[in-house]
Amino acid sequence: MAFTRTHQRPLGSTGLQVSPLGLGTVKLGRNQGVKYPNGFELPSDSEAADLLTLARELGINLLDTAPAYGSSETRLGPLLRGQRQHWVICSKVGEEFSGGESWFDFSASHTRHSVERSLRRLETDYLDLVLVHSDGNDLDVLDQEVYPALAQLKQEGLIRAFGFSGKTVAGGIRALDQGDCAMVTYNLNERAEAAVMDHALSQQKGILIKKALASGHLCLQGEDPVKQGLAFVFDHPAVSSAIVGTINPKHLVHNVQTAVEVLDQ
């Protein structure tokens, strides 16, 4: 089983159509300072290429990456050559990761630098979606220059839509009022940001879900935790897509098959 075009969902009013699951690519470029239950080795180029091929075969069209994901963007560029039209690419601004540590910059100059660098790394002349990688102080971040800078980049055609990956309800709601999309944490264990999703639905804005399976921790619970987790996420009508970050082909197949079962019920 795979996603078909009929499974795709609108990302708010951006005009973008996305598969119900997106492929998160942090594990293509970074294995330090990540919150997964088990350690892992970064996949080889051939393994990464096979994973992307499998994702396409399964009907996934959304890729989620970020400068803070180590070498993820740099690796994706060559791997996606000749395939740009098949993918909706989401990257981020604000967070940088070097020397094993994160740091943040929400200035207009850094925002433009980050987007232009992502374009070079990903070997494309536009990004479908750019999210602000918040440091957790969501309202303070939104008071800085990053959102106006992204609005300008959208006007210039370098990005098609922009939004916010935050950690608070107040930040998510305010970000949606000014932007196109929010990425929120939402799973069976963490439901606090449901209010952001309700607001998005009322404003016809997009919602992407991070940690739908609690970064893998949910998979340690229950009889069929993946099915329970995805059924819970997709039950909310605001959800455009949930990002899954696996580099295990069997897990990816299982996640898509389970999502199709849930959505077709």
Protein backbone atom coordinates (compact mmCIF):
# COMPACT_ATOMS: atom_id res chain seq x y z
CA MET A 1 0.00 0.00 0.00
CA ALA A 2 1.09 3.53 -0.81
CA PHE A 3 -0.32 7.03 -0.75
CA THR A 4 -2.14 8.13 -3.88
CA ARG A 5 -2.94 11.66 -5.04
CA THR A 6 -6.34 11.31 -3.39
CA HIS A 7 -4.59 10.99 -0.02
CA GLN A 8 -2.73 14.29 -0.46
CA ARG A 9 -3.90 17.22 1.62
CA PRO A 10 -3.72 20.98 1.12
CA LEU A 11 -1.17 22.80 3.27
CA GLY A 12 -3.61 25.48 4.38
CA SER A 13 -4.14 28.01 1.61
CA THR A 14 -0.56 27.87 0.26
CA GLY A 15 -1.54 25.93 -2.86
CA LEU A 16 0.84 23.13 -1.85
CA GLN A 17 -0.49 19.56 -1.73
CA VAL A 18 1.36 17.25 0.65
CA SER A 19 1.32 13.54 1.44
CA PRO A 20 -0.14 12.64 4.86
CA LEU A 21 3.32 11.59 6.03
CA GLY A 22 6.47 13.58 5.27
CA LEU A 23 10.01 12.25 5.56
CA GLY A 24 12.11 14.00 8.18
CA THR A 25 15.81 13.98 7.33
CA VAL A 26 17.59 14.84 10.56
CA LYS A 27 18.97 11.28 10.63
CA LEU A 28 20.62 11.80 7.23
CA GLY A 29 22.91 14.44 8.68
CA ARG A 30 23.09 14.44 12.45
CA ASN A 31 23.36 11.86 15.23
CA GLN A 32 24.58 14.13 18.03
CA GLY A 33 22.26 15.78 20.53
CA VAL A 34 19.12 14.11 19.18
CA LYS A 35 16.31 12.77 21.35
CA TYR A 36 15.71 9.27 20.05
CA PRO A 37 15.50 6.13 22.22
CA ASN A 38 18.50 4.51 20.51
CA GLY A 39 21.74 5.71 18.93
CA PHE A 40 22.28 5.29 15.18
CA GLU A 41 24.88 5.59 12.44
CA LEU A 42 24.30 8.02 9.59
CA PRO A 43 23.29 6.15 6.42
CA SER A 44 25.65 5.93 3.47
CA ASP A 45 24.88 7.88 0.28
CA SER A 46 23.53 4.73 -1.37
CA GLU A 47 21.36 3.94 1.65
CA ALA A 48 20.06 7.51 1.69
CA ALA A 49 19.32 7.37 -2.05
CA ASP A 50 17.46 4.09 -1.61
CA LEU A 51 15.42 5.58 1.23
CA LEU A 52 14.39 8.56 -0.91
CA THR A 53 13.47 6.25 -3.79
CA LEU A 54 11.37 4.15 -1.43
CA ALA A 55 9.68 7.25 -0.03
CA ARG A 56 8.68 8.32 -3.54
CA GLU A 57 7.41 4.84 -4.36
CA LEU A 58 5.30 4.97 -1.20
CA GLY A 59 3.73 8.24 -2.36
CA ILE A 60 5.58 10.55 0.03
CA ASN A 61 6.25 13.97 -1.54
CA LEU A 62 7.18 16.08 1.51
CA LEU A 63 10.77 16.32 2.73
CA ASP A 64 11.64 18.11 5.96
CA THR A 65 15.20 19.33 6.49
CA ALA A 66 17.04 22.16 8.25
CA PRO A 67 20.49 23.75 8.61
CA ALA A 68 20.45 22.44 12.20
CA TYR A 69 20.29 18.86 10.86
CA GLY A 70 24.04 18.66 10.33
CA SER A 71 24.88 17.62 6.76
CA SER A 72 21.27 16.83 5.80
CA GLU A 73 20.78 19.65 3.28
CA THR A 74 24.24 19.19 1.77
CA ARG A 75 23.59 15.49 1.24
CA LEU A 76 20.07 15.96 -0.10
CA GLY A 77 21.13 18.34 -2.89
CA PRO A 78 22.98 15.74 -5.03
CA LEU A 79 20.53 12.98 -4.08
CA LEU A 80 17.57 14.98 -5.41
CA ARG A 81 19.09 16.00 -8.75
CA GLY A 82 16.55 15.63 -11.54
CA GLN A 83 13.70 15.07 -9.07
CA ARG A 84 12.87 18.59 -7.88
CA GLN A 85 9.37 18.59 -9.34
CA HIS A 86 8.45 15.49 -7.35
CA TRP A 87 9.14 16.99 -3.92
CA VAL A 88 7.71 19.60 -1.59
CA ILE A 89 10.82 20.73 0.31
CA CYS A 90 10.57 22.29 3.75
CA SER A 91 13.65 23.78 5.40
CA LYS A 92 14.14 26.10 8.34
CA VAL A 93 15.92 29.20 9.62
CA GLY A 94 17.00 30.41 13.05
CA GLU A 95 18.85 27.43 14.49
CA GLU A 96 22.41 26.52 13.59
CA PHE A 97 24.28 23.43 14.76
CA SER A 98 28.06 23.23 14.87
CA GLY A 99 30.63 21.64 17.15
CA GLY A 100 27.91 19.54 18.73
CA GLU A 101 25.95 22.58 19.93
CA SER A 102 22.99 24.64 18.74
CA TRP A 103 22.90 28.43 18.53
CA PHE A 104 20.25 30.81 17.23
CA ASP A 105 20.07 33.94 15.09
CA PHE A 106 16.73 35.48 14.09
CA SER A 107 18.09 38.62 12.41
CA ALA A 108 17.01 39.62 8.91
CA SER A 109 20.54 39.28 7.54
CA HIS A 110 21.01 35.78 8.94
CA THR A 111 17.55 34.72 7.75
CA ARG A 112 18.42 35.72 4.17
CA HIS A 113 21.87 34.14 4.45
CA SER A 114 20.33 30.91 5.74
CA VAL A 115 17.73 30.65 2.97
CA GLU A 116 20.25 31.44 0.23
CA ARG A 117 22.64 28.84 1.69
CA SER A 118 19.84 26.25 1.79
CA LEU A 119 19.06 26.96 -1.86
CA ARG A 120 22.71 26.32 -2.78
CA ARG A 121 22.97 23.18 -0.68
CA LEU A 122 19.71 21.74 -1.98
CA GLU A 123 20.58 22.77 -5.55
CA THR A 124 17.24 24.49 -6.14
CA ASP A 125 16.10 28.02 -6.94
CA TYR A 126 13.15 27.99 -4.53
CA LEU A 127 12.00 26.38 -1.29
CA ASP A 128 8.38 25.35 -0.96
CA LEU A 129 8.23 26.08 2.76
CA VAL A 130 10.56 27.64 5.32
CA LEU A 131 9.84 27.38 9.04
CA VAL A 132 11.40 29.33 11.88
CA HIS A 133 13.26 26.94 14.19
CA SER A 134 12.28 28.55 17.51
CA ASP A 135 14.53 28.40 20.57
CA GLY A 136 11.41 28.02 22.71
CA ASN A 137 10.96 31.73 23.45
CA ASP A 138 8.33 31.89 20.72
CA LEU A 139 6.88 35.36 21.31
CA ASP A 140 10.33 36.91 21.67
CA VAL A 141 11.40 35.26 18.41
CA LEU A 142 8.36 36.65 16.63
CA ASP A 143 9.25 40.15 17.88
CA GLN A 144 12.54 39.91 15.97
CA GLU A 145 13.24 40.36 12.25
CA VAL A 146 12.83 36.79 11.07
CA TYR A 147 9.16 36.87 10.01
CA PRO A 148 9.35 40.14 8.02
CA ALA A 149 12.51 38.78 6.37
CA LEU A 150 10.71 35.60 5.35
CA ALA A 151 7.77 37.63 4.02
CA GLN A 152 10.24 39.55 1.84
CA LEU A 153 11.85 36.33 0.59
CA LYS A 154 8.39 35.02 -0.28
CA GLN A 155 7.65 38.20 -2.21
CA GLU A 156 10.89 37.69 -4.14
CA GLY A 157 9.88 34.13 -5.04
CA LEU A 158 12.73 32.41 -3.20
CA ILE A 159 10.23 30.67 -0.93
CA ARG A 160 6.60 29.78 -1.59
CA ALA A 161 5.37 29.80 2.00
CA PHE A 162 6.67 30.32 5.52
CA GLY A 163 5.71 29.49 9.06
CA PHE A 164 6.86 28.56 12.53
CA SER A 165 8.07 25.49 14.38
CA GLY A 166 7.53 26.53 17.98
CA LYS A 167 6.89 25.17 21.43
CA THR A 168 4.06 27.25 22.90
CA VAL A 169 0.38 27.79 22.18
CA ALA A 170 0.69 31.58 22.27
CA GLY A 171 3.61 31.50 19.84
CA GLY A 172 1.89 29.11 17.47
CA ILE A 173 -1.30 31.16 17.31
CA ARG A 174 0.51 34.43 16.74
CA ALA A 175 2.76 32.85 14.13
CA LEU A 176 -0.27 31.57 12.22
CA ASP A 177 -1.84 35.02 12.15
CA GLN A 178 1.21 36.32 10.27
CA GLY A 179 2.41 33.22 8.40
CA ASP A 180 1.15 30.28 6.35
CA CYS A 181 1.85 27.25 8.50
CA ALA A 182 2.80 25.98 11.94
CA MET A 183 4.65 22.84 12.93
CA VAL A 184 3.45 21.59 16.31
CA THR A 185 4.15 18.74 18.69
CA TYR A 186 1.07 16.55 18.92
CA ASN A 187 0.81 12.91 19.93
CA LEU A 188 -0.95 10.63 22.38
CA ASN A 189 1.35 11.86 25.15
CA GLU A 190 1.53 15.58 24.28
CA ARG A 191 -1.66 17.42 23.38
CA ALA A 192 -1.09 20.96 24.65
CA GLU A 193 -0.73 22.50 21.18
CA ALA A 194 -4.15 21.32 19.99
CA ALA A 195 -5.32 24.93 20.45
CA VAL A 196 -2.87 26.01 17.74
CA MET A 197 -4.35 23.40 15.41
CA ASP A 198 -7.89 24.58 16.15
CA HIS A 199 -6.83 28.14 15.32
CA ALA A 200 -5.18 26.99 12.08
CA LEU A 201 -8.39 25.30 11.00
CA SER A 202 -10.40 28.47 11.59
CA GLN A 203 -7.90 30.53 9.58
CA GLN A 204 -7.33 27.99 6.78
CA LYS A 205 -3.64 27.72 7.67
CA GLY A 206 -1.42 24.64 7.35
CA ILE A 207 -0.40 22.31 10.18
CA LEU A 208 2.56 19.96 10.16
CA ILE A 209 3.00 17.55 13.06
CA LYS A 210 6.36 16.83 14.66
CA LYS A 211 6.87 13.98 17.10
CA ALA A 212 3.64 12.26 16.02
CA LEU A 213 5.13 9.05 17.42
CA ALA A 214 6.95 10.88 20.24
CA SER A 215 10.36 10.57 18.52
CA GLY A 216 10.02 6.79 18.54
CA HIS A 217 9.19 6.56 22.24
CA LEU A 218 5.53 5.94 21.45
CA CYS A 219 6.58 2.81 19.58
CA LEU A 220 7.56 1.26 22.89
CA GLN A 221 3.97 1.32 24.13
CA GLY A 222 0.77 -0.62 23.46
CA GLU A 223 -0.23 -3.39 21.07
CA ASP A 224 -0.12 -1.31 17.86
CA PRO A 225 1.28 2.06 18.94
CA VAL A 226 1.94 3.30 15.40
CA LYS A 227 -1.68 2.76 14.38
CA GLN A 228 -2.99 4.28 17.59
CA GLY A 229 -0.64 7.23 17.28
CA LEU A 230 -1.39 7.99 13.63
CA ALA A 231 -5.14 7.52 14.09
CA PHE A 232 -5.01 10.07 16.91
CA VAL A 233 -3.05 12.59 14.83
CA PHE A 234 -5.13 12.27 11.67
CA ASP A 235 -8.36 12.55 13.63
CA HIS A 236 -7.74 16.30 13.89
CA PRO A 237 -9.00 17.98 10.70
CA ALA A 238 -6.31 20.68 10.72
CA VAL A 239 -3.48 18.21 10.09
CA SER A 240 -1.88 18.46 6.66
CA SER A 241 1.00 16.05 7.25
CA ALA A 242 2.93 14.33 10.02
CA ILE A 243 6.71 14.16 9.76
CA VAL A 244 8.36 10.80 10.44
CA GLY A 245 12.13 10.73 10.78
CA THR A 246 13.00 7.09 10.25
CA ILE A 247 15.97 5.85 8.20
CA ASN A 248 14.78 2.25 8.53
CA PRO A 249 13.09 1.16 5.26
CA LYS A 250 10.90 -1.40 7.03
CA HIS A 251 9.69 1.21 9.50
CA LEU A 252 8.93 3.64 6.67
CA VAL A 253 6.89 1.03 4.80
CA HIS A 254 5.02 0.12 7.97
CA ASN A 255 4.31 3.77 8.79
CA VAL A 256 2.86 4.45 5.33
CA GLN A 257 0.85 1.23 5.22
CA THR A 258 -0.56 1.99 8.66
CA ALA A 259 -1.40 5.57 7.68
CA VAL A 260 -3.22 4.36 4.55
CA GLU A 261 -5.22 1.89 6.66
CA VAL A 262 -6.18 4.63 9.10
CA LEU A 263 -7.11 7.14 6.39
CA ASP A 264 -9.09 4.65 4.30
CA GLN A 265 -11.23 3.44 7.20
